[in-house]
Amino acid sequence: MPPRRAPAGLLLPPPPVGWQHTPAGRAWAISHNHAPPPTAPIWTLVEALADRGITAYPEVCIERARGLAGKRWDLCMPAAELLVEVQGGVWVGGKHGTGAGIVKDHSKANLAARFGWRCMYLVPRDLTAKGGAPALAQVLAVLGMEG
């Protein structure tokens, strides 16, 4: 399956093919298996980060050889070793808001952290309110680039 493309006008490096490694050697790859296409608010955040020199990729899998196969993250910033998950449906009984979904998300984050990744969570409102400013502010704060 060909990689999903960013909206026209968004200038990003081409998505890497196959497994890549962060500066510390942590594995990651663009997910092409049954992943929904990234939403417009995700692309807005990717673009805002790119404007600040931060490369972020949507729909990424990490560490396939270490029990994380099939564990997708909504956004990955490989150089910062930061993963972002958007907790969709928490207010309407979506998969992230059920007991089983919460346990699954915690397990995924704990396993990623065990292998050196930083993990953070956003809710859809962070991406849609004020043009995504709340999401951008939170990511920049985690990266130590507040402002």
C-alpha atoms as a PDB file:
ATOM      1  CA  MET A   1       0.000   0.000   0.000  1.00  0.00           C
ATOM      2  CA  PRO A   2       1.491   3.389  -0.894  1.00  0.00           C
ATOM      3  CA  PRO A   3       2.112   5.866   1.922  1.00  0.00           C
ATOM      4  CA  ARG A   4      -0.684   8.285   2.715  1.00  0.00           C
ATOM      5  CA  ARG A   5       0.275  11.738   1.560  1.00  0.00           C
ATOM      6  CA  ALA A   6       0.243  15.028   3.375  1.00  0.00           C
ATOM      7  CA  PRO A   7      -2.137  17.693   2.101  1.00  0.00           C
ATOM      8  CA  ALA A   8      -0.921  19.751  -0.854  1.00  0.00           C
ATOM      9  CA  GLY A   9       1.374  22.531   0.208  1.00  0.00           C
ATOM     10  CA  LEU A  10       2.723  20.776   3.310  1.00  0.00           C
ATOM     11  CA  LEU A  11       6.444  20.481   2.777  1.00  0.00           C
ATOM     12  CA  LEU A  12       7.830  17.519   4.675  1.00  0.00           C
ATOM     13  CA  PRO A  13      10.656  15.135   3.960  1.00  0.00           C
ATOM     14  CA  PRO A  14       9.372  12.112   2.059  1.00  0.00           C
ATOM     15  CA  PRO A  15       8.107   9.421   4.404  1.00  0.00           C
ATOM     16  CA  PRO A  16      10.802   6.851   5.014  1.00  0.00           C
ATOM     17  CA  VAL A  17      10.280   3.344   3.736  1.00  0.00           C
ATOM     18  CA  GLY A  18      10.820   0.433   6.085  1.00  0.00           C
ATOM     19  CA  TRP A  19      12.153   0.500   9.616  1.00  0.00           C
ATOM     20  CA  GLN A  20      14.142   3.549  10.675  1.00  0.00           C
ATOM     21  CA  HIS A  21      16.066   4.333  13.862  1.00  0.00           C
ATOM     22  CA  THR A  22      16.194   7.350  16.134  1.00  0.00           C
ATOM     23  CA  PRO A  23      19.569   8.811  17.182  1.00  0.00           C
ATOM     24  CA  ALA A  24      19.500   6.468  20.197  1.00  0.00           C
ATOM     25  CA  GLY A  25      18.690   3.444  18.023  1.00  0.00           C
ATOM     26  CA  ARG A  26      14.966   3.089  18.736  1.00  0.00           C
ATOM     27  CA  ALA A  27      13.078   1.555  15.802  1.00  0.00           C
ATOM     28  CA  TRP A  28      10.040   3.121  14.139  1.00  0.00           C
ATOM     29  CA  ALA A  29       8.184   2.893  10.824  1.00  0.00           C
ATOM     30  CA  ILE A  30       5.242   4.495   9.055  1.00  0.00           C
ATOM     31  CA  SER A  31       2.237   2.213   9.528  1.00  0.00           C
ATOM     32  CA  HIS A  32       0.500   1.074   6.364  1.00  0.00           C
ATOM     33  CA  ASN A  33      -1.489  -1.808   7.804  1.00  0.00           C
ATOM     34  CA  HIS A  34      -5.150  -1.021   8.391  1.00  0.00           C
ATOM     35  CA  ALA A  35      -4.336   2.452   9.654  1.00  0.00           C
ATOM     36  CA  PRO A  36      -6.977   5.074   9.061  1.00  0.00           C
ATOM     37  CA  PRO A  37      -5.727   8.102   7.165  1.00  0.00           C
ATOM     38  CA  PRO A  38      -4.595  10.900   9.458  1.00  0.00           C
ATOM     39  CA  THR A  39      -7.270  13.512  10.111  1.00  0.00           C
ATOM     40  CA  ALA A  40      -6.990  17.137   9.012  1.00  0.00           C
ATOM     41  CA  PRO A  41      -6.278  18.289  12.611  1.00  0.00           C
ATOM     42  CA  ILE A  42      -3.337  15.872  12.810  1.00  0.00           C
ATOM     43  CA  TRP A  43      -1.941  17.332   9.571  1.00  0.00           C
ATOM     44  CA  THR A  44      -2.424  20.844  10.993  1.00  0.00           C
ATOM     45  CA  LEU A  45      -0.268  19.867  13.980  1.00  0.00           C
ATOM     46  CA  VAL A  46       2.329  18.219  11.704  1.00  0.00           C
ATOM     47  CA  GLU A  47       2.510  21.442   9.678  1.00  0.00           C
ATOM     48  CA  ALA A  48       2.773  23.675  12.764  1.00  0.00           C
ATOM     49  CA  LEU A  49       5.618  21.510  14.061  1.00  0.00           C
ATOM     50  CA  ALA A  50       7.335  21.569  10.651  1.00  0.00           C
ATOM     51  CA  ASP A  51       7.166  25.381  10.741  1.00  0.00           C
ATOM     52  CA  ARG A  52       9.269  25.131  13.907  1.00  0.00           C
ATOM     53  CA  GLY A  53      11.778  22.703  12.414  1.00  0.00           C
ATOM     54  CA  ILE A  54      10.300  19.575  14.031  1.00  0.00           C
ATOM     55  CA  THR A  55       9.614  16.604  11.772  1.00  0.00           C
ATOM     56  CA  ALA A  56       6.597  14.584  12.862  1.00  0.00           C
ATOM     57  CA  TYR A  57       5.039  11.598  11.110  1.00  0.00           C
ATOM     58  CA  PRO A  58       1.439  10.449  11.558  1.00  0.00           C
ATOM     59  CA  GLU A  59       0.401   6.808  12.019  1.00  0.00           C
ATOM     60  CA  VAL A  60       3.663   5.256  13.133  1.00  0.00           C
ATOM     61  CA  CYS A  61       4.490   1.839  14.570  1.00  0.00           C
ATOM     62  CA  ILE A  62       7.462   1.371  16.866  1.00  0.00           C
ATOM     63  CA  GLU A  63       9.848  -1.359  17.988  1.00  0.00           C
ATOM     64  CA  ARG A  64       8.455  -4.262  15.984  1.00  0.00           C
ATOM     65  CA  ALA A  65      10.874  -6.752  17.519  1.00  0.00           C
ATOM     66  CA  ARG A  66      10.092  -5.918  21.119  1.00  0.00           C
ATOM     67  CA  GLY A  67       6.440  -6.769  21.579  1.00  0.00           C
ATOM     68  CA  LEU A  68       5.110  -3.531  20.124  1.00  0.00           C
ATOM     69  CA  ALA A  69       4.165  -4.914  16.722  1.00  0.00           C
ATOM     70  CA  GLY A  70       0.836  -3.511  15.649  1.00  0.00           C
ATOM     71  CA  LYS A  71       0.919  -0.765  18.273  1.00  0.00           C
ATOM     72  CA  ARG A  72       0.242   2.384  16.281  1.00  0.00           C
ATOM     73  CA  TRP A  73       0.705   5.938  17.498  1.00  0.00           C
ATOM     74  CA  ASP A  74      -1.092   8.900  15.986  1.00  0.00           C
ATOM     75  CA  LEU A  75       2.091  10.956  15.758  1.00  0.00           C
ATOM     76  CA  CYS A  76       5.806  10.301  16.137  1.00  0.00           C
ATOM     77  CA  MET A  77       8.687  12.744  16.392  1.00  0.00           C
ATOM     78  CA  PRO A  78      11.645  10.375  15.942  1.00  0.00           C
ATOM     79  CA  ALA A  79      14.409  12.899  16.621  1.00  0.00           C
ATOM     80  CA  ALA A  80      12.805  13.742  19.990  1.00  0.00           C
ATOM     81  CA  GLU A  81      11.755  10.115  20.613  1.00  0.00           C
ATOM     82  CA  LEU A  82       8.262  11.385  21.397  1.00  0.00           C
ATOM     83  CA  LEU A  83       5.016   9.570  20.630  1.00  0.00           C
ATOM     84  CA  VAL A  84       1.590  11.211  20.694  1.00  0.00           C
ATOM     85  CA  GLU A  85      -1.758   9.452  20.973  1.00  0.00           C
ATOM     86  CA  VAL A  86      -5.057  11.269  20.461  1.00  0.00           C
ATOM     87  CA  GLN A  87      -7.675   9.862  22.794  1.00  0.00           C
ATOM     88  CA  GLY A  88     -10.668  10.046  20.475  1.00  0.00           C
ATOM     89  CA  GLY A  89     -14.110   9.168  21.731  1.00  0.00           C
ATOM     90  CA  VAL A  90     -13.380   9.533  25.449  1.00  0.00           C
ATOM     91  CA  TRP A  91     -16.610  11.486  25.995  1.00  0.00           C
ATOM     92  CA  VAL A  92     -18.864   9.299  23.850  1.00  0.00           C
ATOM     93  CA  GLY A  93     -17.833   5.779  24.815  1.00  0.00           C
ATOM     94  CA  GLY A  94     -15.278   5.326  22.041  1.00  0.00           C
ATOM     95  CA  LYS A  95     -12.559   2.697  22.284  1.00  0.00           C
ATOM     96  CA  HIS A  96     -10.214   4.958  24.272  1.00  0.00           C
ATOM     97  CA  GLY A  97     -12.919   5.549  26.899  1.00  0.00           C
ATOM     98  CA  THR A  98     -13.802   1.968  27.752  1.00  0.00           C
ATOM     99  CA  GLY A  99     -12.122  -0.002  30.502  1.00  0.00           C
ATOM    100  CA  ALA A 100     -10.519  -2.353  27.989  1.00  0.00           C
ATOM    101  CA  GLY A 101      -9.396   0.564  25.808  1.00  0.00           C
ATOM    102  CA  ILE A 102      -7.840   2.406  28.733  1.00  0.00           C
ATOM    103  CA  VAL A 103      -5.950  -0.699  29.856  1.00  0.00           C
ATOM    104  CA  LYS A 104      -4.741  -1.300  26.283  1.00  0.00           C
ATOM    105  CA  ASP A 105      -3.545   2.316  25.934  1.00  0.00           C
ATOM    106  CA  HIS A 106      -1.738   2.192  29.275  1.00  0.00           C
ATOM    107  CA  SER A 107      -0.072  -1.074  28.346  1.00  0.00           C
ATOM    108  CA  LYS A 108       1.046   0.386  25.004  1.00  0.00           C
ATOM    109  CA  ALA A 109       2.458   3.528  26.650  1.00  0.00           C
ATOM    110  CA  ASN A 110       4.194   1.604  29.417  1.00  0.00           C
ATOM    111  CA  LEU A 111       5.853  -0.722  26.929  1.00  0.00           C
ATOM    112  CA  ALA A 112       6.969   2.196  24.737  1.00  0.00           C
ATOM    113  CA  ALA A 113       8.372   3.994  27.808  1.00  0.00           C
ATOM    114  CA  ARG A 114      10.193   0.829  28.806  1.00  0.00           C
ATOM    115  CA  PHE A 115      12.115   1.046  25.540  1.00  0.00           C
ATOM    116  CA  GLY A 116      12.953   4.735  25.955  1.00  0.00           C
ATOM    117  CA  TRP A 117      10.128   6.515  24.143  1.00  0.00           C
ATOM    118  CA  ARG A 118       8.368   9.476  25.727  1.00  0.00           C
ATOM    119  CA  CYS A 119       4.599   9.290  25.389  1.00  0.00           C
ATOM    120  CA  MET A 120       1.958  11.968  25.632  1.00  0.00           C
ATOM    121  CA  TYR A 121      -1.781  12.096  25.133  1.00  0.00           C
ATOM    122  CA  LEU A 122      -4.080  14.670  23.575  1.00  0.00           C
ATOM    123  CA  VAL A 123      -7.844  14.782  23.143  1.00  0.00           C
ATOM    124  CA  PRO A 124      -9.487  15.827  19.866  1.00  0.00           C
ATOM    125  CA  ARG A 125     -10.440  19.210  21.321  1.00  0.00           C
ATOM    126  CA  ASP A 126      -6.706  19.984  21.736  1.00  0.00           C
ATOM    127  CA  LEU A 127      -6.331  19.589  17.971  1.00  0.00           C
ATOM    128  CA  THR A 128      -9.461  21.461  16.914  1.00  0.00           C
ATOM    129  CA  ALA A 129      -9.771  24.379  19.371  1.00  0.00           C
ATOM    130  CA  LYS A 130      -8.122  27.632  18.288  1.00  0.00           C
ATOM    131  CA  GLY A 131      -6.644  26.053  15.165  1.00  0.00           C
ATOM    132  CA  GLY A 132      -4.826  23.374  17.179  1.00  0.00           C
ATOM    133  CA  ALA A 133      -3.001  25.849  19.433  1.00  0.00           C
ATOM    134  CA  PRO A 134      -3.608  23.783  22.619  1.00  0.00           C
ATOM    135  CA  ALA A 135      -2.075  20.668  21.027  1.00  0.00           C
ATOM    136  CA  LEU A 136       0.897  22.594  19.690  1.00  0.00           C
ATOM    137  CA  ALA A 137       1.506  24.261  23.056  1.00  0.00           C
ATOM    138  CA  GLN A 138       1.449  20.920  24.869  1.00  0.00           C
ATOM    139  CA  VAL A 139       3.834  19.257  22.416  1.00  0.00           C
ATOM    140  CA  LEU A 140       6.228  22.210  22.509  1.00  0.00           C
ATOM    141  CA  ALA A 141       6.160  22.168  26.324  1.00  0.00           C
ATOM    142  CA  VAL A 142       7.097  18.476  26.371  1.00  0.00           C
ATOM    143  CA  LEU A 143       9.903  19.228  23.918  1.00  0.00           C
ATOM    144  CA  GLY A 144      11.113  22.081  26.121  1.00  0.00           C
ATOM    145  CA  MET A 145      10.295  24.656  23.444  1.00  0.00           C
ATOM    146  CA  GLU A 146       7.478  26.542  25.124  1.00  0.00           C
ATOM    147  CA  GLY A 147       6.340  29.753  23.551  1.00  0.00           C
END
